Amino acid sequence: MVLLVQEMKDLQRKFHLKLLSEQKGLDNEIKGIKIIEVENMEKYIEGGEILLTSFFIYESCTISQYETHIQNLIDKGVSGFIIKNSGNIKNFNIKLDILKRLCIENEVALFELLRQNYYWDIIRYILDNVFDQEMALLKYHKVTNDNLKEYIFHKEATPKNIIELLYTIIDNPISMYYENLSCLATTYEEKSSFDLLDNIKEYSPEIRLRYNYLKQDVGKYNQYIIPITFIGNIPIKIVIDEKNRKLTNFDFVAIENAIDALRYSFTFDFAKNEIHKKYHRDIFFNLVNSQLNYDDTTEAANMLNLKEDAYYRVVSFHSIPEDQKEKYSLEQLDEVDIIADQISMFYPKDHIYKNVSQIVMLQKMDSDKEDDDSRKRLNELIDIVKKSISKRDQNTNFNVGVGEIVKGYRNLKNSYKQSRIAMKFIKIARRITGEINKSIVYYSKLGIFQSFIELDDINKLKKYVPCTITKLDNYDRKHNTELLHTLNSYIRNNLSVKKTSLDLMIQYRSASYRIKKIKEITNINFDDNIELLSLWNGLIIFDIIHNM
């Protein structure tokens, strides 16, 4: 099929074009379309192409060099130019005047694309009307692939930048979700959400694919879901909402290239972060372990870009096998690496450091108060990590301790110590609350128990344990019973025998017998609230002693 420049003039309104070259060059045949990617683009021109540019590639050229390049392109027989003013190009108007003059003199068409619009509709139209379907898709693959690579390697695009570029190409919203369906990045103004529906099914576009696609009908439009696993075994779902127009084979070519670009971007970020972390890890641990003097602390803070008037907190993550065996096996160390990667992806702007089984996050806060969103986000992370651990069939125990928010880097050592203390309190917190899956403890919520946990002298701690608890512990050891555990459950369940039996998964009669036995041994008065409070605190302190 022969496509003339005249047809582009006829479709000016559709493609938001404005003819700048009077009526020159309209009879030229369009034989292809390319984006000007290098200064000496004339070396890669065959003739008959429409060339797209914003003059960005010519920013480092002198005006004389630029004019020479444009004349060389015209001499190669291009059919026209489409120029877009991105609004930030040096000497744009001067370069446009030169291009307009040369186009009129040589009878080559020149169009301007309105700033808020993109090239992609024009590229697809020309390729579709000049080449057969297979060749058009091949050339579109090169155009989109080159554009995305340029974006990655020269602009260091983030994953969010890449999906925003893909949005301009396919004209449909895109989001990325973690395994638990919490949003990682989106082209919507606010974080989006989606659900996997019963009508979801596999989908195969009419092109050669490298990735698997799913499709579901959400009512007013279709959703396309592409499950991807990035470096570090982190599963991500890319979701495309077919809201604005129906996706074509051209779009799926672009999507495939964008996923490749995302993989490059995640891998690049991973490698960069690894180098960064290895260099900064020792500095951080020296800082929080009080191994630096005043001047060295200042220097370390400068290296980590920490401020004296900013607010921070330290969050400690612990990842060890539930049975405590093979704590530092290669498999377990790999598991720590995977979890650290997940945390880094969830908190990309915070400092994340790993050290054998320990992962530490230095988190910058907006103020000295924690908001609900911050807590909710940390719980979302725990949910993601736990689901990921379960999916890998690992028996890893994942615990989180959160230090208090402190002002300035000189107080980080306090928050770090608190996060470690809070993490050690998790086993006790599970017994207190009855939540066997509890994984996070905030130091700020420990209250009076902060003092007991920080007290290293066991003999001093024992003074706060009522003798009734010691009696029950001795009786349990001698007779292989669980009366102390029963007392803990009975008090926690507000002296309800029924709830205690359910909690301990024993018969009501057995629970009642145990409580009667406890009364016989200790003479506890369960009607005395002061004695109950003393027992409750004593049980917690007793656990603290046995977890030191």
Protein backbone atom coordinates (compact mmCIF):
# COMPACT_ATOMS: atom_id res chain seq x y z
CA MET A 1 0.00 0.00 0.00
CA VAL A 2 1.28 3.48 -0.91
CA LEU A 3 0.91 6.06 1.86
CA LEU A 4 1.50 9.73 1.01
CA VAL A 5 2.26 12.60 3.37
CA GLN A 6 -1.00 14.16 2.14
CA GLU A 7 -2.89 11.58 4.18
CA MET A 8 -1.16 12.76 7.36
CA LYS A 9 -2.29 16.29 6.52
CA ASP A 10 -5.84 15.03 6.06
CA LEU A 11 -5.65 13.37 9.48
CA GLN A 12 -4.17 16.38 11.29
CA ARG A 13 -7.08 16.68 13.69
CA LYS A 14 -7.09 12.95 14.55
CA PHE A 15 -3.38 12.93 15.39
CA HIS A 16 -3.24 16.50 16.85
CA LEU A 17 -0.81 17.67 14.17
CA LYS A 18 -0.19 21.11 12.70
CA LEU A 19 1.45 21.54 9.28
CA LEU A 20 4.32 24.06 9.47
CA SER A 21 5.86 23.67 5.99
CA GLU A 22 3.09 25.40 4.04
CA GLN A 23 1.99 22.85 1.39
CA LYS A 24 5.46 21.48 0.64
CA GLY A 25 6.28 17.77 0.37
CA LEU A 26 2.71 16.44 0.55
CA ASP A 27 3.21 14.18 -2.47
CA ASN A 28 6.18 12.39 -0.84
CA GLU A 29 5.65 8.70 -0.16
CA ILE A 30 5.96 7.53 3.44
CA LYS A 31 8.02 4.33 3.56
CA GLY A 32 8.50 4.07 7.31
CA ILE A 33 8.78 5.98 10.56
CA LYS A 34 11.64 6.40 13.05
CA ILE A 35 12.49 8.36 16.16
CA ILE A 36 15.73 10.33 15.89
CA GLU A 37 17.81 8.47 18.48
CA VAL A 38 21.37 9.72 17.78
CA GLU A 39 22.91 12.93 16.45
CA ASN A 40 24.15 11.29 13.24
CA MET A 41 20.83 9.62 12.49
CA GLU A 42 21.52 10.10 8.77
CA LYS A 43 23.73 7.00 8.89
CA TYR A 44 20.69 4.85 9.69
CA ILE A 45 18.22 6.31 7.19
CA GLU A 46 17.17 4.42 4.04
CA GLY A 47 14.90 7.11 2.61
CA GLY A 48 11.19 7.76 2.75
CA GLU A 49 10.87 7.78 6.54
CA ILE A 50 8.89 10.21 8.66
CA LEU A 51 11.27 11.26 11.47
CA LEU A 52 10.13 12.09 15.00
CA THR A 53 12.11 14.33 17.34
CA SER A 54 11.92 16.83 20.19
CA PHE A 55 15.49 18.09 19.50
CA PHE A 56 16.61 16.49 22.77
CA ILE A 57 19.26 14.46 20.96
CA TYR A 58 20.77 17.67 19.49
CA GLU A 59 21.16 19.53 22.81
CA SER A 60 24.94 19.14 22.86
CA CYS A 61 25.33 20.24 19.21
CA THR A 62 26.19 23.73 18.08
CA ILE A 63 23.65 25.41 15.83
CA SER A 64 25.97 24.84 12.87
CA GLN A 65 26.36 21.12 13.65
CA TYR A 66 22.61 20.76 14.11
CA GLU A 67 21.89 22.40 10.73
CA THR A 68 24.38 20.05 9.05
CA HIS A 69 22.68 16.97 10.55
CA ILE A 70 19.23 18.15 9.40
CA GLN A 71 20.49 18.85 5.87
CA ASN A 72 22.09 15.38 5.74
CA LEU A 73 18.78 13.80 6.75
CA ILE A 74 16.92 15.71 4.05
CA ASP A 75 19.57 14.67 1.51
CA LYS A 76 18.90 11.02 2.40
CA GLY A 77 15.35 11.50 1.13
CA VAL A 78 13.22 11.52 4.25
CA SER A 79 9.52 12.10 3.59
CA GLY A 80 8.93 14.45 6.50
CA PHE A 81 9.47 15.47 10.11
CA ILE A 82 7.18 15.55 13.13
CA ILE A 83 8.48 17.79 15.89
CA LYS A 84 7.27 17.94 19.48
CA ASN A 85 8.07 20.76 21.88
CA SER A 86 8.65 19.10 25.25
CA GLY A 87 9.12 22.53 26.82
CA ASN A 88 12.65 22.15 28.19
CA ILE A 89 14.95 22.08 25.13
CA LYS A 90 17.62 24.76 24.81
CA ASN A 91 17.26 27.00 21.72
CA PHE A 92 14.14 25.10 20.64
CA ASN A 93 12.66 27.98 18.61
CA ILE A 94 15.95 28.63 16.82
CA LYS A 95 16.25 24.97 15.86
CA LEU A 96 12.62 24.83 14.78
CA ASP A 97 13.09 27.87 12.51
CA ILE A 98 16.11 26.22 10.88
CA LEU A 99 14.22 22.97 10.36
CA LYS A 100 11.20 24.82 8.94
CA ARG A 101 13.37 26.79 6.49
CA LEU A 102 15.23 23.70 5.28
CA CYS A 103 11.99 21.72 4.90
CA ILE A 104 10.34 24.44 2.79
CA GLU A 105 13.47 24.90 0.67
CA ASN A 106 13.73 21.15 0.00
CA GLU A 107 9.96 20.47 -0.22
CA VAL A 108 9.86 18.18 2.80
CA ALA A 109 6.78 18.14 5.04
CA LEU A 110 7.07 19.38 8.63
CA PHE A 111 4.39 18.81 11.27
CA GLU A 112 4.25 19.88 14.89
CA LEU A 113 2.65 17.58 17.49
CA LEU A 114 0.82 19.33 20.29
CA ARG A 115 2.82 19.10 23.53
CA GLN A 116 0.31 17.09 25.58
CA ASN A 117 0.10 14.32 22.97
CA TYR A 118 2.37 11.39 22.09
CA TYR A 119 3.85 9.82 18.94
CA TRP A 120 2.52 6.31 19.43
CA ASP A 121 -0.81 6.56 17.57
CA ILE A 122 1.04 8.02 14.58
CA ILE A 123 3.71 5.32 14.66
CA ARG A 124 1.12 2.53 14.77
CA TYR A 125 -0.92 4.09 11.96
CA ILE A 126 2.03 4.48 9.60
CA LEU A 127 3.44 1.02 10.28
CA ASP A 128 0.00 -0.56 9.85
CA ASN A 129 -0.51 1.17 6.48
CA VAL A 130 2.97 0.73 5.02
CA PHE A 131 3.95 -2.83 6.02
CA ASP A 132 2.26 -6.18 6.31
CA GLN A 133 1.25 -7.21 9.85
CA GLU A 134 4.36 -9.28 10.63
CA MET A 135 6.80 -6.61 9.47
CA ALA A 136 4.81 -3.84 11.18
CA LEU A 137 4.95 -5.68 14.51
CA LEU A 138 8.68 -6.35 14.06
CA LYS A 139 9.40 -2.67 13.46
CA TYR A 140 7.15 -1.64 16.34
CA HIS A 141 9.06 -4.02 18.57
CA LYS A 142 12.29 -2.22 17.68
CA VAL A 143 10.84 1.25 18.18
CA THR A 144 9.34 0.50 21.59
CA ASN A 145 12.32 -1.59 22.71
CA ASP A 146 14.81 1.14 21.75
CA ASN A 147 12.68 3.78 23.47
CA LEU A 148 12.43 1.79 26.70
CA LYS A 149 16.16 0.98 26.70
CA GLU A 150 16.95 4.65 26.22
CA TYR A 151 14.72 5.38 29.19
CA ILE A 152 16.47 2.81 31.40
CA PHE A 153 20.13 3.37 30.59
CA HIS A 154 20.19 7.14 30.10
CA LYS A 155 17.49 8.31 32.49
CA GLU A 156 17.90 5.53 35.11
CA ALA A 157 14.16 4.93 35.07
CA THR A 158 12.49 3.38 38.10
CA PRO A 159 9.79 0.70 37.72
CA LYS A 160 7.16 3.41 38.24
CA ASN A 161 8.74 5.51 35.46
CA ILE A 162 8.58 2.51 33.12
CA ILE A 163 4.89 1.78 33.67
CA GLU A 164 4.17 5.49 33.22
CA LEU A 165 5.94 5.36 29.83
CA LEU A 166 4.01 2.19 28.95
CA TYR A 167 0.81 4.04 29.85
CA THR A 168 1.58 6.66 27.19
CA ILE A 169 2.15 3.86 24.65
CA ILE A 170 -0.93 1.70 25.26
CA ASP A 171 -3.23 4.45 26.59
CA ASN A 172 -4.57 2.25 29.40
CA PRO A 173 -3.88 2.37 33.18
CA ILE A 174 -1.23 0.02 34.61
CA SER A 175 -0.54 -1.07 38.19
CA MET A 176 1.91 -3.42 39.89
CA TYR A 177 0.95 -5.45 42.94
CA TYR A 178 2.77 -7.58 45.49
CA GLU A 179 1.75 -11.16 46.15
CA ASN A 180 -0.82 -10.07 48.75
CA LEU A 181 -2.32 -7.65 46.17
CA SER A 182 -1.05 -4.49 47.88
CA CYS A 183 -0.07 -1.85 45.33
CA LEU A 184 3.61 -1.36 44.49
CA ALA A 185 3.20 1.30 41.77
CA THR A 186 0.40 2.60 39.59
CA THR A 187 -0.37 5.15 36.87
CA TYR A 188 -3.54 6.12 38.73
CA GLU A 189 -3.34 9.27 40.86
CA GLU A 190 -3.87 7.21 44.01
CA LYS A 191 -2.89 3.64 44.87
CA SER A 192 -5.24 1.20 43.20
CA SER A 193 -6.57 -2.22 44.17
CA PHE A 194 -7.91 -5.28 42.40
CA ASP A 195 -9.23 -8.75 43.16
CA LEU A 196 -8.78 -12.07 41.42
CA LEU A 197 -12.25 -13.05 40.18
CA ASP A 198 -13.88 -16.40 39.43
CA ASN A 199 -13.99 -15.62 35.70
CA ILE A 200 -10.20 -15.28 35.40
CA LYS A 201 -8.68 -17.40 32.63
CA GLU A 202 -5.52 -17.76 30.61
CA TYR A 203 -5.15 -15.43 27.64
CA SER A 204 -2.92 -15.64 24.56
CA PRO A 205 -2.52 -12.55 22.32
CA GLU A 206 -1.83 -13.19 18.63
CA ILE A 207 1.90 -12.60 18.96
CA ARG A 208 4.87 -14.62 20.15
CA LEU A 209 4.98 -14.27 23.93
CA ARG A 210 7.70 -14.56 26.57
CA TYR A 211 5.32 -14.11 29.49
CA ASN A 212 2.04 -15.66 30.62
CA TYR A 213 -1.16 -13.62 30.57
CA LEU A 214 -4.43 -13.91 32.48
CA LYS A 215 -7.65 -12.09 31.67
CA GLN A 216 -10.74 -11.31 33.72
CA ASP A 217 -13.94 -9.35 33.09
CA VAL A 218 -14.50 -6.76 35.84
CA GLY A 219 -17.76 -5.46 34.37
CA LYS A 220 -17.15 -2.28 32.41
CA TYR A 221 -13.77 -3.40 31.06
CA ASN A 222 -11.27 -6.27 30.93
CA GLN A 223 -8.20 -6.66 33.11
CA TYR A 224 -5.03 -8.31 31.87
CA ILE A 225 -2.79 -9.78 34.57
CA ILE A 226 0.83 -10.80 33.99
CA PRO A 227 2.47 -12.65 36.93
CA ILE A 228 6.22 -12.02 37.04
CA THR A 229 8.96 -13.14 39.42
CA PHE A 230 11.80 -10.66 39.65
CA ILE A 231 15.30 -11.07 41.05
CA GLY A 232 15.24 -12.33 44.64
CA ASN A 233 12.22 -14.55 43.89
CA ILE A 234 9.83 -11.66 44.48
CA PRO A 235 6.46 -12.30 42.78
CA ILE A 236 4.74 -9.29 41.23
CA LYS A 237 1.49 -8.99 39.32
CA ILE A 238 1.30 -6.44 36.50
CA VAL A 239 -2.32 -5.45 35.91
CA ILE A 240 -3.57 -3.53 32.86
CA ASP A 241 -7.09 -2.08 32.88
CA GLU A 242 -8.52 -1.99 29.34
CA LYS A 243 -10.48 1.20 30.07
CA ASN A 244 -9.63 3.69 27.34
CA ARG A 245 -9.34 1.54 24.21
CA LYS A 246 -9.08 -2.10 23.20
CA LEU A 247 -5.55 -3.48 23.28
CA THR A 248 -4.08 -4.53 19.93
CA ASN A 249 -1.15 -6.73 18.91
CA PHE A 250 0.98 -3.56 18.82
CA ASP A 251 0.16 -2.97 22.49
CA PHE A 252 1.10 -6.48 23.53
CA VAL A 253 4.45 -6.05 21.76
CA ALA A 254 5.01 -2.90 23.84
CA ILE A 255 3.90 -4.66 27.03
CA GLU A 256 6.39 -7.48 26.45
CA ASN A 257 9.19 -4.97 25.95
CA ALA A 258 8.11 -3.00 29.04
CA ILE A 259 8.26 -6.15 31.17
CA ASP A 260 11.80 -6.77 29.92
CA ALA A 261 12.62 -3.18 30.87
CA LEU A 262 11.11 -3.70 34.32
CA ARG A 263 13.30 -6.75 34.82
CA TYR A 264 16.38 -4.71 33.86
CA SER A 265 15.31 -1.91 36.18
CA PHE A 266 14.72 -4.20 39.17
CA THR A 267 18.02 -6.01 38.51
CA PHE A 268 19.91 -2.73 38.18
CA ASP A 269 18.38 -1.41 41.41
CA PHE A 270 19.20 -4.71 43.13
CA ALA A 271 22.87 -4.61 42.06
CA LYS A 272 23.22 -0.93 42.91
CA ASN A 273 21.61 -1.42 46.30
CA GLU A 274 23.84 -4.42 47.10
CA ILE A 275 27.00 -2.39 46.48
CA HIS A 276 25.56 0.51 48.43
CA LYS A 277 24.54 -1.65 51.36
CA LYS A 278 27.82 -3.54 51.65
CA TYR A 279 29.65 -0.23 51.87
CA HIS A 280 27.24 1.37 54.33
CA ARG A 281 26.39 -1.66 56.47
CA ASP A 282 29.51 -1.50 58.63
CA ILE A 283 29.12 2.25 59.02
CA PHE A 284 25.55 1.83 60.22
CA PHE A 285 26.29 -0.94 62.73
CA ASN A 286 29.23 1.01 64.13
CA LEU A 287 26.93 4.01 64.48
CA VAL A 288 24.14 2.23 66.36
CA ASN A 289 26.48 0.12 68.50
CA SER A 290 28.22 3.23 69.92
CA GLN A 291 31.57 2.32 68.41
CA LEU A 292 32.26 5.81 67.03
CA ASN A 293 33.37 9.01 68.75
CA TYR A 294 31.61 12.34 68.24
CA ASP A 295 33.47 13.37 65.07
CA ASP A 296 33.34 9.91 63.52
CA THR A 297 29.60 9.78 64.20
CA THR A 298 29.17 13.06 62.30
CA GLU A 299 31.20 11.72 59.38
CA ALA A 300 29.25 8.43 59.33
CA ALA A 301 25.94 10.34 59.37
CA ASN A 302 27.07 12.44 56.40
CA MET A 303 27.90 9.27 54.46
CA LEU A 304 24.43 7.90 55.19
CA ASN A 305 22.84 11.30 54.50
CA LEU A 306 21.35 11.50 58.00
CA LYS A 307 20.36 14.80 59.65
CA GLU A 308 20.45 16.06 63.21
CA ASP A 309 16.97 17.61 63.01
CA ALA A 310 15.21 14.71 61.24
CA TYR A 311 13.16 11.95 62.85
CA TYR A 312 14.14 8.28 62.57
CA ARG A 313 13.39 4.90 64.01
CA VAL A 314 15.04 1.50 63.72
CA VAL A 315 13.05 -1.62 62.88
CA SER A 316 14.72 -4.99 63.46
CA PHE A 317 13.65 -8.10 61.56
CA HIS A 318 14.71 -11.57 62.66
CA SER A 319 14.45 -14.57 60.38
CA ILE A 320 15.43 -17.94 61.84
CA PRO A 321 14.12 -21.51 61.58
CA GLU A 322 11.25 -22.23 63.97
CA ASP A 323 13.12 -25.23 65.39
CA GLN A 324 16.31 -23.12 65.75
CA LYS A 325 18.29 -25.80 63.90
CA GLU A 326 20.72 -24.99 61.07
CA LYS A 327 20.37 -21.34 61.96
CA TYR A 328 23.19 -20.29 59.66
CA SER A 329 22.87 -22.90 56.91
CA LEU A 330 23.26 -21.79 53.29
CA GLU A 331 19.55 -22.33 52.76
CA GLN A 332 18.71 -20.09 55.70
CA LEU A 333 21.13 -17.39 54.56
CA ASP A 334 19.49 -17.46 51.12
CA GLU A 335 16.12 -17.09 52.84
CA VAL A 336 17.38 -13.99 54.68
CA ASP A 337 18.55 -12.53 51.35
CA ILE A 338 15.10 -13.09 49.79
CA ILE A 339 13.31 -11.48 52.73
CA ALA A 340 15.73 -8.52 52.73
CA ASP A 341 14.98 -7.99 49.02
CA GLN A 342 11.25 -8.00 49.73
CA ILE A 343 11.69 -5.41 52.48
CA SER A 344 13.84 -3.26 50.18
CA MET A 345 11.19 -3.34 47.47
CA PHE A 346 8.46 -2.44 49.95
CA TYR A 347 10.52 0.39 51.48
CA PRO A 348 12.72 1.52 48.54
CA LYS A 349 13.67 4.87 50.11
CA ASP A 350 14.81 3.54 53.49
CA HIS A 351 18.16 2.09 54.52
CA ILE A 352 17.97 -1.72 54.71
CA TYR A 353 20.91 -3.74 56.11
CA LYS A 354 21.28 -7.47 56.61
CA ASN A 355 23.73 -9.28 58.83
CA VAL A 356 23.48 -13.10 58.92
CA SER A 357 19.97 -13.76 60.33
CA GLN A 358 19.30 -10.14 61.21
CA ILE A 359 17.79 -7.47 58.95
CA VAL A 360 17.64 -3.87 60.12
CA MET A 361 15.75 -0.94 58.60
CA LEU A 362 16.67 2.66 59.34
CA GLN A 363 13.40 4.44 58.63
CA LYS A 364 12.98 8.18 58.18
CA MET A 365 9.77 9.43 59.81
CA ASP A 366 7.74 12.60 59.22
CA SER A 367 7.46 13.48 62.90
CA ASP A 368 7.99 12.09 66.39
CA LYS A 369 4.56 10.42 66.23
CA GLU A 370 3.70 7.28 64.28
CA ASP A 371 0.49 7.43 62.24
CA ASP A 372 -1.97 4.65 61.44
CA ASP A 373 -0.79 4.44 57.81
CA SER A 374 2.76 3.68 58.95
CA ARG A 375 1.53 0.83 61.19
CA LYS A 376 -0.76 -0.50 58.48
CA ARG A 377 2.05 -0.50 55.94
CA LEU A 378 4.38 -2.41 58.27
CA ASN A 379 1.65 -5.01 58.84
CA GLU A 380 1.19 -5.30 55.06
CA LEU A 381 4.90 -6.06 54.73
CA ILE A 382 4.72 -8.76 57.41
CA ASP A 383 1.76 -10.31 55.60
CA ILE A 384 3.65 -10.32 52.29
CA VAL A 385 6.77 -11.88 53.78
CA LYS A 386 4.87 -14.56 55.70
CA LYS A 387 2.88 -15.58 52.62
CA SER A 388 6.07 -15.70 50.61
CA ILE A 389 7.78 -17.86 53.27
CA SER A 390 4.80 -20.22 53.31
CA LYS A 391 4.80 -20.44 49.51
CA ARG A 392 8.46 -21.50 49.58
CA ASP A 393 7.63 -24.16 52.22
CA GLN A 394 10.11 -22.66 54.65
CA ASN A 395 9.73 -23.12 58.42
CA THR A 396 11.13 -19.66 59.05
CA ASN A 397 10.03 -17.69 62.12
CA PHE A 398 9.75 -14.02 61.03
CA ASN A 399 9.71 -11.51 63.90
CA VAL A 400 9.76 -7.71 63.95
CA GLY A 401 10.79 -5.35 66.74
CA VAL A 402 10.13 -1.61 66.37
CA GLY A 403 12.17 0.98 68.24
CA GLU A 404 10.84 4.37 69.31
CA ILE A 405 11.06 7.39 67.00
CA VAL A 406 14.08 9.54 67.86
CA LYS A 407 15.27 12.95 66.71
CA GLY A 408 18.67 13.09 65.04
CA TYR A 409 21.20 10.44 64.13
CA ARG A 410 22.97 10.63 67.50
CA ASN A 411 19.99 8.96 69.16
CA LEU A 412 19.73 6.11 66.66
CA LYS A 413 21.59 3.78 69.01
CA ASN A 414 18.66 4.08 71.46
CA SER A 415 16.07 3.17 68.83
CA TYR A 416 18.24 0.29 67.62
CA LYS A 417 18.61 -1.14 71.14
CA GLN A 418 14.85 -0.76 71.69
CA SER A 419 14.03 -2.60 68.45
CA ARG A 420 16.19 -5.51 69.56
CA ILE A 421 14.54 -5.58 72.99
CA ALA A 422 11.06 -5.45 71.44
CA MET A 423 11.92 -8.35 69.15
CA LYS A 424 13.03 -10.49 72.09
CA PHE A 425 9.69 -9.79 73.77
CA ILE A 426 7.67 -11.42 70.96
CA LYS A 427 7.47 -14.88 72.56
CA ILE A 428 6.23 -13.30 75.77
CA ALA A 429 3.78 -11.12 73.85
CA ARG A 430 2.32 -14.22 72.23
CA ARG A 431 1.67 -15.78 75.62
CA ILE A 432 0.21 -12.55 77.02
CA THR A 433 -2.16 -11.96 74.12
CA GLY A 434 -2.79 -15.57 73.15
CA GLU A 435 -1.95 -14.61 69.54
CA ILE A 436 0.33 -17.47 68.51
CA ASN A 437 1.05 -15.80 65.15
CA LYS A 438 1.95 -12.41 66.58
CA SER A 439 5.10 -11.20 64.81
CA ILE A 440 5.54 -7.55 65.74
CA VAL A 441 6.16 -5.71 69.00
CA TYR A 442 6.54 -1.94 69.41
CA TYR A 443 8.92 -0.94 72.18
CA SER A 444 6.76 2.12 72.90
CA LYS A 445 3.87 -0.20 73.88
CA LEU A 446 5.82 -2.24 76.44
CA GLY A 447 5.11 0.25 79.20
CA ILE A 448 6.47 -0.77 82.60
CA PHE A 449 7.96 -3.94 81.13
CA GLN A 450 10.60 -1.84 79.35
CA SER A 451 12.39 -1.54 82.70
CA PHE A 452 12.18 -5.26 83.46
CA ILE A 453 13.44 -6.29 80.00
CA GLU A 454 16.39 -3.89 80.19
CA LEU A 455 17.33 -5.17 83.65
CA ASP A 456 20.10 -7.70 83.07
CA ASP A 457 20.38 -8.89 86.67
CA ILE A 458 18.28 -12.09 86.97
CA ASN A 459 18.41 -12.04 90.76
CA LYS A 460 16.86 -8.57 90.83
CA LEU A 461 14.16 -9.67 88.40
CA LYS A 462 13.28 -12.69 90.55
CA LYS A 463 12.25 -10.32 93.35
CA TYR A 464 9.27 -9.28 91.22
CA VAL A 465 8.04 -12.87 90.73
CA PRO A 466 5.47 -13.96 93.39
CA CYS A 467 6.40 -17.15 95.23
CA THR A 468 3.16 -18.78 94.04
CA ILE A 469 4.57 -18.80 90.49
CA THR A 470 7.79 -20.41 91.66
CA LYS A 471 5.77 -23.06 93.55
CA LEU A 472 3.78 -23.93 90.43
CA ASP A 473 6.90 -24.05 88.29
CA ASN A 474 8.59 -26.45 90.75
CA TYR A 475 5.45 -28.59 90.91
CA ASP A 476 5.26 -28.76 87.08
CA ARG A 477 8.89 -29.84 86.82
CA LYS A 478 8.48 -32.52 89.48
CA HIS A 479 5.15 -33.95 88.28
CA ASN A 480 5.36 -33.17 84.52
CA THR A 481 2.18 -31.04 84.64
CA GLU A 482 1.22 -27.71 83.02
CA LEU A 483 -0.33 -25.82 85.92
CA LEU A 484 1.70 -22.63 85.36
CA HIS A 485 0.66 -22.55 81.72
CA THR A 486 -2.94 -23.12 82.81
CA LEU A 487 -2.73 -20.23 85.30
CA ASN A 488 -1.45 -17.94 82.53
CA SER A 489 -4.36 -18.88 80.28
CA TYR A 490 -6.93 -18.63 83.10
CA ILE A 491 -5.92 -15.07 84.01
CA ARG A 492 -5.62 -14.02 80.38
CA ASN A 493 -9.15 -15.30 79.72
CA ASN A 494 -10.64 -13.29 82.59
CA LEU A 495 -10.99 -16.34 84.90
CA SER A 496 -13.27 -18.15 82.45
CA VAL A 497 -12.89 -21.94 82.75
CA LYS A 498 -14.68 -22.43 79.43
CA LYS A 499 -12.37 -20.06 77.51
CA THR A 500 -9.36 -21.57 79.24
CA SER A 501 -10.35 -25.08 78.16
CA LEU A 502 -10.79 -23.87 74.57
CA ASP A 503 -7.49 -21.98 74.68
CA LEU A 504 -5.59 -25.02 75.96
CA MET A 505 -7.64 -27.41 73.80
CA ILE A 506 -8.58 -29.59 76.78
CA GLN A 507 -11.91 -30.68 78.23
CA TYR A 508 -13.81 -28.31 80.52
CA ARG A 509 -13.55 -30.84 83.38
CA SER A 510 -9.75 -31.06 82.94
CA ALA A 511 -9.40 -27.30 83.01
CA SER A 512 -11.57 -27.08 86.11
CA TYR A 513 -9.48 -29.76 87.83
CA ARG A 514 -6.23 -27.94 87.05
CA ILE A 515 -7.52 -24.65 88.44
CA LYS A 516 -8.68 -26.42 91.61
CA LYS A 517 -5.20 -27.96 91.93
CA ILE A 518 -3.60 -24.52 91.50
CA LYS A 519 -5.71 -23.17 94.37
CA GLU A 520 -4.71 -26.11 96.61
CA ILE A 521 -0.98 -25.62 95.98
CA THR A 522 -0.81 -21.82 96.13
CA ASN A 523 -3.89 -20.57 98.05
CA ILE A 524 -4.35 -17.87 95.37
CA ASN A 525 -7.35 -15.63 96.00
CA PHE A 526 -8.80 -15.08 92.51
CA ASP A 527 -11.24 -12.54 93.94
CA ASP A 528 -8.38 -10.23 94.91
CA ASN A 529 -7.68 -7.90 91.93
CA ILE A 530 -4.38 -6.70 93.40
CA GLU A 531 -3.13 -10.28 93.77
CA LEU A 532 -4.26 -11.07 90.19
CA LEU A 533 -2.38 -8.03 88.87
CA SER A 534 0.73 -9.10 90.76
CA LEU A 535 0.41 -12.62 89.34
CA TRP A 536 -0.09 -11.34 85.81
CA ASN A 537 2.99 -9.11 86.00
CA GLY A 538 4.94 -11.90 87.69
CA LEU A 539 4.10 -14.37 84.91
CA ILE A 540 5.44 -11.89 82.34
CA ILE A 541 8.62 -11.25 84.33
CA PHE A 542 9.02 -15.02 84.79
CA ASP A 543 8.93 -15.38 80.99
CA ILE A 544 11.42 -12.53 80.61
CA ILE A 545 13.85 -14.34 82.91
CA HIS A 546 13.56 -17.56 80.92
CA ASN A 547 14.09 -15.76 77.60
CA MET A 548 17.20 -13.83 78.63
